[in-house]
Amino acid sequence: MKTIGLIGGMSWESTAEYYRLINQLVNKKLGNLHSAKCILYSVDFEGIERYQTLGQWDKAGEELAEVGVNLENAGADFILICTNTMHKVIEQIEGKVNIPILHIADATAELINQQGLQKIGLLGTKYTMEQDFYKSRIEEKEIEVITPAKAEREMINDIIFHELCHGEIRESSRKNYINVIERLIEQGAEGIILGCTEIGLLIKPEHSRVPLFDTTEIHARKAVEEAIR
């Protein structure tokens, strides 16, 4: 079994989900007392979030690249960045390590293609919804990506950072997200990407009448496939 390197802590709430899912999936596939071989480096999210707010992505990339080097030196065979947003700096990390990084958007687009869907709604942080680094990766696979209106994007982002990253699950926020999902469906979305690793804590398959693509689960599953391949 290969050793999975996890760059986590962004936030630790979703990183805990990664750890749980990866170990459950390994055990389901291999049985008995099997669990995942993994190394977790959990960063202090306060500093990374400050770099995001200030637009200092290069500094964030430098910090995460150093984490990637540490994981490689510790014996990781490949890396997961346990957050959608920080895939913005994946090239900086790739430039410092000699092991593969499994891209969360690639794994998600692969599953969308398998289901034959062509138009997808995207929820995530404002960076993920508004900037090109993530959407373009999905669109390269011939999938049209649509996002909520600006006021809705702000609301989604606020709930992520002020509630979900603190482990707060509010029914009022769930209803707000469901309303946004419905509006995206009305615009032709055939499925919805939960493009922030915390959103799956709030929104479940029963909250949408079209397929949901929980990127945390998809990424974890892809990692397990690679680890035991």
Foldseek 3Di string as FASTA:
>chain_A
DAEEEEEAPLPVLLVVVLQVLLQVVQCVVPPDNDGHRYDYDHDPVVVVVVCVVVVVLVVNLVVVLVVLVVRVVVRHQEYEYSWLLNVLNVVSNVVNDDHYYDHLLVLLLVVCVVVVAAEEEEADALNCQPDDSRQVSNCVSNHHYDYFDPVLNVLSNCCVVVAQSVVHADPVSLVSVLVRLVVVVVVPHQEYEDRTSRVCVHDDQVSDPHHYHRSSNSVSVVVSVVRVD
